[in-house]
Amino acid sequence: MPRTRRCRYPNCHAMVAFPDHYCQQHYEHEAEYLASRQRWARSNDRQYTHKYNTITRYRNEDKRQQYSFYRTRQWSHLRQQVLERDHYLCAYCKVQGIITPAKTVDHIVPIEFDEMLKADIDNLAVICSKCHRLKTGWEQATYGTGQDNELKNVKPINDVSSIVVLMNKG
């Protein structure tokens, strides 16, 4: 007799043969479920995280020092002040007239570009994940930040509304 289990769809009690997770009626959720399991496995894979930390995140002494700043008490206090100042709302979305809740605090001018601004509260803003992704791409193109890039000699832009305009162009 084949092994079976209950369908993963909420309140569905149909039995499903292994290796499937959903019955015929809810089978469209199978691919999404398998993808989420792969994401979870990758994020909890020690080899993957070790490679990320040693090769990407801490690739040189400068990056090691930059990331160690995020584990200090000073950073946690700054972060909390900025979150409360901005009411946990993305500053980049707010400029566009959109209200988006967020918990990430970002340096307006990246610390890789200007180390002196890392503890400046005026250089910090709350940012949502969508804007953070766009801004990171824009920073890499504009400032030359990121892995395998060379820092460019450009004037830093510290106005959120100007950055939003430039971010959305690219």
N, C-alpha and C. Protein backbone atom coordinates (compact mmCIF):
# COMPACT_ATOMS: atom_id res chain seq x y z
N MET A 1 0.84 -1.18 0.00
CA MET A 1 0.00 0.00 0.00
C MET A 1 0.88 1.24 0.00
N PRO A 2 0.59 2.24 -0.91
CA PRO A 2 1.43 3.44 -0.98
C PRO A 2 1.26 4.32 0.26
N ARG A 3 2.34 5.02 0.59
CA ARG A 3 2.27 5.94 1.72
C ARG A 3 1.43 7.15 1.34
N THR A 4 0.64 7.64 2.28
CA THR A 4 -0.20 8.80 2.03
C THR A 4 -0.08 9.79 3.18
N ARG A 5 -0.55 10.99 2.91
CA ARG A 5 -0.61 12.03 3.92
C ARG A 5 -1.79 12.94 3.59
N ARG A 6 -2.14 13.81 4.52
CA ARG A 6 -3.26 14.72 4.33
C ARG A 6 -2.82 15.90 3.46
N CYS A 7 -3.72 16.40 2.63
CA CYS A 7 -3.46 17.57 1.78
C CYS A 7 -3.10 18.76 2.68
N ARG A 8 -2.10 19.55 2.26
CA ARG A 8 -1.63 20.68 3.06
C ARG A 8 -2.56 21.89 3.00
N TYR A 9 -3.54 21.89 2.10
CA TYR A 9 -4.45 23.03 1.99
C TYR A 9 -5.31 23.11 3.25
N PRO A 10 -5.48 24.32 3.82
CA PRO A 10 -6.25 24.44 5.07
C PRO A 10 -7.66 23.86 4.96
N ASN A 11 -8.03 23.09 5.94
CA ASN A 11 -9.35 22.45 6.05
C ASN A 11 -9.67 21.45 4.95
N CYS A 12 -8.66 21.03 4.20
CA CYS A 12 -8.88 19.96 3.21
C CYS A 12 -8.38 18.67 3.85
N HIS A 13 -9.23 17.66 3.89
CA HIS A 13 -8.88 16.42 4.56
C HIS A 13 -8.62 15.28 3.58
N ALA A 14 -8.45 15.62 2.30
CA ALA A 14 -8.20 14.59 1.29
C ALA A 14 -6.83 13.98 1.52
N MET A 15 -6.71 12.69 1.21
CA MET A 15 -5.43 12.01 1.35
C MET A 15 -4.67 12.08 0.02
N VAL A 16 -3.35 12.25 0.12
CA VAL A 16 -2.49 12.43 -1.04
C VAL A 16 -1.39 11.39 -0.98
N ALA A 17 -1.05 10.78 -2.12
CA ALA A 17 0.04 9.81 -2.18
C ALA A 17 1.38 10.54 -2.19
N PHE A 18 2.38 10.00 -1.51
CA PHE A 18 3.73 10.57 -1.53
C PHE A 18 4.23 10.56 -2.96
N PRO A 19 5.03 11.47 -3.42
CA PRO A 19 5.67 12.57 -2.71
C PRO A 19 4.87 13.87 -2.77
N ASP A 20 3.63 13.85 -3.30
CA ASP A 20 2.84 15.08 -3.41
C ASP A 20 2.43 15.61 -2.04
N HIS A 21 2.11 16.94 -2.01
CA HIS A 21 1.68 17.58 -0.77
C HIS A 21 0.24 18.08 -0.85
N TYR A 22 -0.30 18.19 -2.07
CA TYR A 22 -1.64 18.71 -2.28
C TYR A 22 -2.46 17.72 -3.11
N CYS A 23 -3.78 17.69 -2.86
CA CYS A 23 -4.68 16.82 -3.62
C CYS A 23 -4.90 17.40 -5.02
N GLN A 24 -5.64 16.68 -5.87
CA GLN A 24 -5.88 17.14 -7.23
C GLN A 24 -6.60 18.49 -7.26
N GLN A 25 -7.49 18.70 -6.32
CA GLN A 25 -8.27 19.93 -6.27
C GLN A 25 -7.40 21.15 -5.95
N HIS A 26 -6.33 20.97 -5.17
CA HIS A 26 -5.46 22.09 -4.75
C HIS A 26 -4.05 21.97 -5.30
N TYR A 27 -3.86 21.20 -6.35
CA TYR A 27 -2.52 20.91 -6.86
C TYR A 27 -1.78 22.15 -7.35
N GLU A 28 -2.51 23.24 -7.68
CA GLU A 28 -1.84 24.46 -8.17
C GLU A 28 -0.94 25.08 -7.11
N HIS A 29 -1.09 24.70 -5.84
CA HIS A 29 -0.25 25.23 -4.76
C HIS A 29 1.05 24.44 -4.58
N GLU A 30 1.18 23.32 -5.25
CA GLU A 30 2.34 22.43 -5.08
C GLU A 30 3.66 23.12 -5.43
N ALA A 31 3.72 23.77 -6.60
CA ALA A 31 4.97 24.41 -7.04
C ALA A 31 5.39 25.53 -6.07
N GLU A 32 4.43 26.33 -5.63
CA GLU A 32 4.72 27.41 -4.69
C GLU A 32 5.25 26.86 -3.37
N TYR A 33 4.65 25.77 -2.90
CA TYR A 33 5.08 25.15 -1.65
C TYR A 33 6.50 24.60 -1.78
N LEU A 34 6.80 23.93 -2.88
CA LEU A 34 8.14 23.37 -3.08
C LEU A 34 9.19 24.48 -3.18
N ALA A 35 8.83 25.59 -3.84
CA ALA A 35 9.76 26.72 -3.94
C ALA A 35 10.04 27.31 -2.55
N SER A 36 9.00 27.42 -1.72
CA SER A 36 9.22 27.98 -0.38
C SER A 36 10.08 27.04 0.46
N ARG A 37 9.92 25.74 0.27
CA ARG A 37 10.77 24.79 0.99
C ARG A 37 12.22 24.90 0.56
N GLN A 38 12.45 25.12 -0.74
CA GLN A 38 13.83 25.28 -1.23
C GLN A 38 14.45 26.55 -0.66
N ARG A 39 13.67 27.65 -0.63
CA ARG A 39 14.19 28.90 -0.05
C ARG A 39 14.56 28.69 1.41
N TRP A 40 13.69 28.00 2.15
CA TRP A 40 13.95 27.75 3.56
C TRP A 40 15.21 26.90 3.72
N ALA A 41 15.33 25.85 2.92
CA ALA A 41 16.49 24.95 3.02
C ALA A 41 17.78 25.70 2.70
N ARG A 42 17.73 26.58 1.68
CA ARG A 42 18.93 27.32 1.32
C ARG A 42 19.33 28.29 2.42
N SER A 43 18.34 28.95 3.04
CA SER A 43 18.67 29.91 4.09
C SER A 43 19.15 29.22 5.36
N ASN A 44 18.81 27.96 5.53
CA ASN A 44 19.26 27.23 6.71
C ASN A 44 20.39 26.25 6.41
N ASP A 45 20.97 26.37 5.23
CA ASP A 45 22.07 25.50 4.83
C ASP A 45 23.38 26.10 5.33
N ARG A 46 24.08 25.37 6.16
CA ARG A 46 25.32 25.91 6.75
C ARG A 46 26.38 26.23 5.71
N GLN A 47 26.52 25.35 4.69
CA GLN A 47 27.53 25.61 3.66
C GLN A 47 27.22 26.90 2.93
N TYR A 48 25.96 27.09 2.57
CA TYR A 48 25.55 28.29 1.84
C TYR A 48 25.82 29.54 2.66
N THR A 49 25.40 29.56 3.94
CA THR A 49 25.61 30.74 4.76
C THR A 49 27.08 30.96 5.05
N HIS A 50 27.85 29.89 5.22
CA HIS A 50 29.29 30.04 5.45
C HIS A 50 29.94 30.69 4.23
N LYS A 51 29.58 30.22 3.03
CA LYS A 51 30.13 30.79 1.80
C LYS A 51 29.73 32.25 1.68
N TYR A 52 28.46 32.56 1.96
CA TYR A 52 27.99 33.95 1.88
C TYR A 52 28.76 34.83 2.85
N ASN A 53 28.92 34.39 4.08
CA ASN A 53 29.59 35.22 5.08
C ASN A 53 31.07 35.39 4.77
N THR A 54 31.76 34.34 4.36
CA THR A 54 33.21 34.45 4.17
C THR A 54 33.59 35.06 2.82
N ILE A 55 32.80 34.81 1.78
CA ILE A 55 33.19 35.30 0.45
C ILE A 55 32.51 36.62 0.10
N THR A 56 31.25 36.75 0.40
CA THR A 56 30.50 37.94 -0.01
C THR A 56 30.50 39.01 1.05
N ARG A 57 30.00 38.69 2.23
CA ARG A 57 29.82 39.70 3.26
C ARG A 57 31.15 40.20 3.81
N TYR A 58 32.02 39.30 4.25
CA TYR A 58 33.28 39.71 4.88
C TYR A 58 34.45 39.51 3.92
N ARG A 59 34.32 40.01 2.69
CA ARG A 59 35.32 39.72 1.66
C ARG A 59 36.67 40.41 1.90
N ASN A 60 36.68 41.48 2.68
CA ASN A 60 37.95 42.12 3.03
C ASN A 60 37.81 42.81 4.38
N GLU A 61 38.88 43.37 4.87
CA GLU A 61 38.87 43.95 6.22
C GLU A 61 37.93 45.15 6.33
N ASP A 62 37.82 45.95 5.26
CA ASP A 62 36.91 47.10 5.29
C ASP A 62 35.47 46.63 5.47
N LYS A 63 35.06 45.62 4.71
CA LYS A 63 33.69 45.11 4.81
C LYS A 63 33.46 44.48 6.18
N ARG A 64 34.45 43.82 6.71
CA ARG A 64 34.33 43.20 8.03
C ARG A 64 34.05 44.28 9.09
N GLN A 65 34.76 45.40 9.01
CA GLN A 65 34.54 46.49 9.95
C GLN A 65 33.18 47.16 9.76
N GLN A 66 32.76 47.31 8.48
CA GLN A 66 31.46 47.91 8.21
C GLN A 66 30.34 47.08 8.82
N TYR A 67 30.38 45.76 8.62
CA TYR A 67 29.32 44.91 9.14
C TYR A 67 29.40 44.73 10.65
N SER A 68 30.58 44.85 11.22
CA SER A 68 30.66 44.74 12.68
C SER A 68 29.99 45.94 13.35
N PHE A 69 29.91 47.08 12.66
CA PHE A 69 29.22 48.26 13.19
C PHE A 69 27.75 47.93 13.46
N TYR A 70 27.15 47.09 12.62
CA TYR A 70 25.73 46.75 12.77
C TYR A 70 25.45 45.88 13.99
N ARG A 71 26.47 45.40 14.65
CA ARG A 71 26.29 44.59 15.86
C ARG A 71 26.61 45.39 17.13
N THR A 72 26.72 46.70 17.01
CA THR A 72 27.05 47.52 18.18
C THR A 72 25.80 48.10 18.83
N ARG A 73 25.93 48.48 20.07
CA ARG A 73 24.83 49.11 20.80
C ARG A 73 24.50 50.46 20.16
N GLN A 74 25.52 51.16 19.70
CA GLN A 74 25.31 52.46 19.06
C GLN A 74 24.35 52.32 17.88
N TRP A 75 24.58 51.31 17.02
CA TRP A 75 23.71 51.10 15.87
C TRP A 75 22.29 50.76 16.29
N SER A 76 22.13 49.91 17.29
CA SER A 76 20.77 49.52 17.68
C SER A 76 20.00 50.72 18.21
N HIS A 77 20.67 51.63 18.93
CA HIS A 77 20.01 52.84 19.42
C HIS A 77 19.66 53.79 18.26
N LEU A 78 20.62 53.97 17.34
CA LEU A 78 20.36 54.82 16.17
C LEU A 78 19.18 54.28 15.36
N ARG A 79 19.20 52.98 15.13
CA ARG A 79 18.16 52.33 14.35
C ARG A 79 16.79 52.56 14.99
N GLN A 80 16.70 52.37 16.29
CA GLN A 80 15.43 52.54 16.98
C GLN A 80 14.95 53.99 16.90
N GLN A 81 15.87 54.94 17.04
CA GLN A 81 15.51 56.36 16.94
C GLN A 81 14.94 56.69 15.56
N VAL A 82 15.58 56.15 14.52
CA VAL A 82 15.13 56.43 13.15
C VAL A 82 13.77 55.78 12.90
N LEU A 83 13.59 54.55 13.36
CA LEU A 83 12.29 53.88 13.18
C LEU A 83 11.17 54.68 13.84
N GLU A 84 11.41 55.16 15.03
CA GLU A 84 10.39 55.94 15.74
C GLU A 84 10.20 57.32 15.09
N ARG A 85 11.29 57.92 14.63
CA ARG A 85 11.20 59.23 13.96
C ARG A 85 10.35 59.14 12.69
N ASP A 86 10.56 58.06 11.92
CA ASP A 86 9.85 57.88 10.65
C ASP A 86 8.56 57.07 10.80
N HIS A 87 8.19 56.73 12.04
CA HIS A 87 6.95 56.00 12.33
C HIS A 87 6.85 54.66 11.60
N TYR A 88 7.99 53.98 11.42
CA TYR A 88 8.05 52.67 10.78
C TYR A 88 7.48 52.70 9.36
N LEU A 89 7.61 53.81 8.66
CA LEU A 89 7.12 53.95 7.30
C LEU A 89 8.28 54.24 6.36
N CYS A 90 8.27 53.61 5.19
CA CYS A 90 9.33 53.79 4.20
C CYS A 90 9.38 55.24 3.73
N ALA A 91 10.53 55.88 3.91
CA ALA A 91 10.71 57.28 3.52
C ALA A 91 10.69 57.44 2.00
N TYR A 92 11.15 56.43 1.28
CA TYR A 92 11.23 56.50 -0.18
C TYR A 92 9.84 56.36 -0.80
N CYS A 93 8.99 55.51 -0.23
CA CYS A 93 7.60 55.38 -0.69
C CYS A 93 6.81 56.64 -0.32
N LYS A 94 7.07 57.19 0.86
CA LYS A 94 6.34 58.37 1.33
C LYS A 94 6.54 59.54 0.37
N VAL A 95 7.74 59.67 -0.19
CA VAL A 95 8.02 60.74 -1.17
C VAL A 95 7.12 60.58 -2.39
N GLN A 96 6.80 59.33 -2.74
CA GLN A 96 5.96 59.04 -3.90
C GLN A 96 4.47 59.07 -3.56
N GLY A 97 4.15 59.35 -2.28
CA GLY A 97 2.75 59.40 -1.87
C GLY A 97 2.17 58.05 -1.52
N ILE A 98 3.02 57.08 -1.24
CA ILE A 98 2.59 55.73 -0.89
C ILE A 98 2.96 55.48 0.57
N ILE A 99 2.08 54.85 1.31
CA ILE A 99 2.35 54.51 2.71
C ILE A 99 2.72 53.03 2.77
N THR A 100 3.96 52.73 3.12
CA THR A 100 4.44 51.35 3.20
C THR A 100 5.13 51.13 4.54
N PRO A 101 4.63 50.18 5.33
CA PRO A 101 5.32 49.88 6.59
C PRO A 101 6.67 49.21 6.32
N ALA A 102 7.66 49.51 7.14
CA ALA A 102 8.99 48.94 6.96
C ALA A 102 9.74 48.91 8.28
N LYS A 103 10.72 48.00 8.37
CA LYS A 103 11.53 47.90 9.59
C LYS A 103 13.02 47.99 9.32
N THR A 104 13.40 48.20 8.08
CA THR A 104 14.81 48.29 7.73
C THR A 104 15.26 49.74 7.77
N VAL A 105 16.41 49.99 8.36
CA VAL A 105 16.99 51.33 8.39
C VAL A 105 18.20 51.31 7.45
N ASP A 106 18.23 52.28 6.55
CA ASP A 106 19.23 52.31 5.48
C ASP A 106 20.02 53.61 5.54
N HIS A 107 21.29 53.53 5.15
CA HIS A 107 22.11 54.74 5.02
C HIS A 107 21.77 55.40 3.69
N ILE A 108 21.42 56.66 3.71
CA ILE A 108 21.09 57.38 2.48
C ILE A 108 22.32 57.43 1.58
N VAL A 109 23.43 57.87 2.12
CA VAL A 109 24.73 57.77 1.43
C VAL A 109 25.40 56.54 2.01
N PRO A 110 25.69 55.52 1.19
CA PRO A 110 26.22 54.27 1.74
C PRO A 110 27.53 54.45 2.50
N ILE A 111 27.69 53.68 3.58
CA ILE A 111 28.91 53.81 4.38
C ILE A 111 30.13 53.30 3.63
N GLU A 112 29.90 52.47 2.63
CA GLU A 112 31.02 52.02 1.79
C GLU A 112 31.59 53.20 1.02
N PHE A 113 30.73 54.16 0.68
CA PHE A 113 31.15 55.34 -0.07
C PHE A 113 31.71 56.42 0.85
N ASP A 114 31.05 56.65 2.00
CA ASP A 114 31.52 57.66 2.95
C ASP A 114 31.40 57.12 4.38
N GLU A 115 32.49 56.61 4.88
CA GLU A 115 32.56 55.99 6.21
C GLU A 115 32.20 56.96 7.33
N MET A 116 32.43 58.25 7.14
CA MET A 116 32.20 59.25 8.19
C MET A 116 30.71 59.42 8.52
N LEU A 117 29.83 59.03 7.60
CA LEU A 117 28.39 59.23 7.80
C LEU A 117 27.69 58.04 8.42
N LYS A 118 28.43 57.02 8.84
CA LYS A 118 27.78 55.80 9.31
C LYS A 118 26.97 55.99 10.58
N ALA A 119 27.35 56.90 11.46
CA ALA A 119 26.61 57.12 12.71
C ALA A 119 25.85 58.44 12.71
N ASP A 120 25.68 59.04 11.53
CA ASP A 120 24.95 60.31 11.42
C ASP A 120 23.46 60.01 11.24
N ILE A 121 22.65 60.41 12.21
CA ILE A 121 21.21 60.10 12.17
C ILE A 121 20.52 60.77 10.98
N ASP A 122 21.06 61.87 10.48
CA ASP A 122 20.49 62.53 9.31
C ASP A 122 20.78 61.77 8.02
N ASN A 123 21.68 60.81 8.08
CA ASN A 123 22.00 59.98 6.91
C ASN A 123 21.25 58.65 6.95
N LEU A 124 20.28 58.53 7.83
CA LEU A 124 19.53 57.27 7.97
C LEU A 124 18.07 57.49 7.63
N ALA A 125 17.47 56.48 7.00
CA ALA A 125 16.05 56.53 6.67
C ALA A 125 15.49 55.12 6.70
N VAL A 126 14.20 55.01 7.01
CA VAL A 126 13.51 53.72 6.99
C VAL A 126 13.20 53.40 5.53
N ILE A 127 13.36 52.12 5.16
CA ILE A 127 13.17 51.72 3.77
C ILE A 127 12.51 50.35 3.69
N CYS A 128 11.60 50.18 2.74
CA CYS A 128 10.95 48.88 2.53
C CYS A 128 11.83 48.01 1.64
N SER A 129 11.51 46.74 1.54
CA SER A 129 12.38 45.83 0.78
C SER A 129 12.41 46.15 -0.71
N LYS A 130 11.28 46.57 -1.28
CA LYS A 130 11.24 46.91 -2.71
C LYS A 130 12.13 48.10 -3.01
N CYS A 131 12.00 49.15 -2.21
CA CYS A 131 12.84 50.34 -2.40
C CYS A 131 14.31 50.04 -2.12
N HIS A 132 14.55 49.17 -1.14
CA HIS A 132 15.93 48.83 -0.79
C HIS A 132 16.62 48.13 -1.97
N ARG A 133 15.88 47.24 -2.63
CA ARG A 133 16.42 46.55 -3.80
C ARG A 133 16.74 47.55 -4.91
N LEU A 134 15.79 48.45 -5.19
CA LEU A 134 16.02 49.47 -6.22
C LEU A 134 17.18 50.38 -5.86
N LYS A 135 17.24 50.81 -4.61
CA LYS A 135 18.29 51.73 -4.18
C LYS A 135 19.66 51.08 -4.23
N THR A 136 19.73 49.81 -3.86
CA THR A 136 21.02 49.10 -3.91
C THR A 136 21.53 49.06 -5.35
N GLY A 137 20.66 48.75 -6.29
CA GLY A 137 21.06 48.76 -7.71
C GLY A 137 21.50 50.14 -8.16
N TRP A 138 20.77 51.16 -7.73
CA TRP A 138 21.12 52.53 -8.08
C TRP A 138 22.47 52.92 -7.47
N GLU A 139 22.71 52.53 -6.20
CA GLU A 139 23.98 52.84 -5.54
C GLU A 139 25.15 52.19 -6.26
N GLN A 140 24.95 50.95 -6.70
CA GLN A 140 26.03 50.25 -7.39
C GLN A 140 26.37 50.94 -8.70
N ALA A 141 25.35 51.45 -9.39
CA ALA A 141 25.59 52.15 -10.66
C ALA A 141 26.16 53.55 -10.43
N THR A 142 25.66 54.25 -9.43
CA THR A 142 26.05 55.65 -9.20
C THR A 142 27.36 55.77 -8.44
N TYR A 143 27.46 55.09 -7.31
CA TYR A 143 28.64 55.22 -6.44
C TYR A 143 29.71 54.17 -6.70
N GLY A 144 29.33 53.09 -7.36
CA GLY A 144 30.30 52.01 -7.58
C GLY A 144 30.47 51.11 -6.37
N THR A 145 29.44 51.04 -5.52
CA THR A 145 29.51 50.17 -4.34
C THR A 145 29.21 48.73 -4.75
N GLY A 146 29.43 47.82 -3.85
CA GLY A 146 29.11 46.41 -4.12
C GLY A 146 30.34 45.62 -4.50
N GLN A 147 30.15 44.31 -4.52
CA GLN A 147 31.25 43.40 -4.79
C GLN A 147 31.75 43.57 -6.23
N ASP A 148 33.06 43.56 -6.40
CA ASP A 148 33.74 43.65 -7.69
C ASP A 148 33.51 45.00 -8.40
N ASN A 149 33.04 46.00 -7.69
CA ASN A 149 32.89 47.34 -8.27
C ASN A 149 33.96 48.25 -7.71
N GLU A 150 34.25 49.29 -8.45
CA GLU A 150 35.24 50.27 -8.00
C GLU A 150 34.51 51.56 -7.64
N LEU A 151 34.79 52.12 -6.46
CA LEU A 151 34.12 53.35 -6.03
C LEU A 151 34.43 54.48 -7.00
N LYS A 152 33.37 55.23 -7.33
CA LYS A 152 33.51 56.34 -8.27
C LYS A 152 33.69 57.63 -7.49
N ASN A 153 34.31 58.60 -8.13
CA ASN A 153 34.53 59.91 -7.51
C ASN A 153 33.37 60.83 -7.92
N VAL A 154 32.24 60.70 -7.22
CA VAL A 154 31.06 61.51 -7.51
C VAL A 154 30.62 62.22 -6.24
N LYS A 155 29.79 63.24 -6.42
CA LYS A 155 29.27 63.99 -5.27
C LYS A 155 28.12 63.19 -4.66
N PRO A 156 28.15 62.95 -3.35
CA PRO A 156 27.07 62.18 -2.72
C PRO A 156 25.74 62.93 -2.74
N ILE A 157 24.67 62.18 -2.92
CA ILE A 157 23.32 62.74 -2.91
C ILE A 157 22.67 62.30 -1.60
N ASN A 158 22.28 63.27 -0.77
CA ASN A 158 21.71 62.90 0.52
C ASN A 158 20.27 63.36 0.68
N ASP A 159 19.60 63.62 -0.42
CA ASP A 159 18.19 64.01 -0.41
C ASP A 159 17.35 62.83 -0.90
N VAL A 160 16.45 62.35 -0.06
CA VAL A 160 15.66 61.15 -0.37
C VAL A 160 14.83 61.36 -1.63
N SER A 161 14.19 62.53 -1.77
CA SER A 161 13.34 62.75 -2.95
C SER A 161 14.15 62.74 -4.25
N SER A 162 15.37 63.26 -4.23
CA SER A 162 16.23 63.22 -5.43
C SER A 162 16.62 61.78 -5.75
N ILE A 163 16.91 61.02 -4.71
CA ILE A 163 17.30 59.62 -4.91
C ILE A 163 16.14 58.83 -5.50
N VAL A 164 14.92 59.09 -5.03
CA VAL A 164 13.74 58.39 -5.56
C VAL A 164 13.58 58.64 -7.04
N VAL A 165 13.74 59.89 -7.46
CA VAL A 165 13.63 60.24 -8.90
C VAL A 165 14.69 59.48 -9.69
N LEU A 166 15.93 59.50 -9.21
CA LEU A 166 17.02 58.84 -9.92
C LEU A 166 16.87 57.32 -9.89
N MET A 167 16.39 56.79 -8.78
CA MET A 167 16.20 55.35 -8.63
C MET A 167 15.18 54.83 -9.64
N ASN A 168 14.10 55.57 -9.81
CA ASN A 168 13.02 55.12 -10.69
C ASN A 168 13.29 55.34 -12.16
N LYS A 169 14.32 56.14 -12.49
CA LYS A 169 14.72 56.33 -13.89
C LYS A 169 15.38 55.05 -14.42
N GLY A 170 16.25 54.45 -13.58
CA GLY A 170 17.05 53.31 -14.01
C GLY A 170 16.32 52.08 -13.93
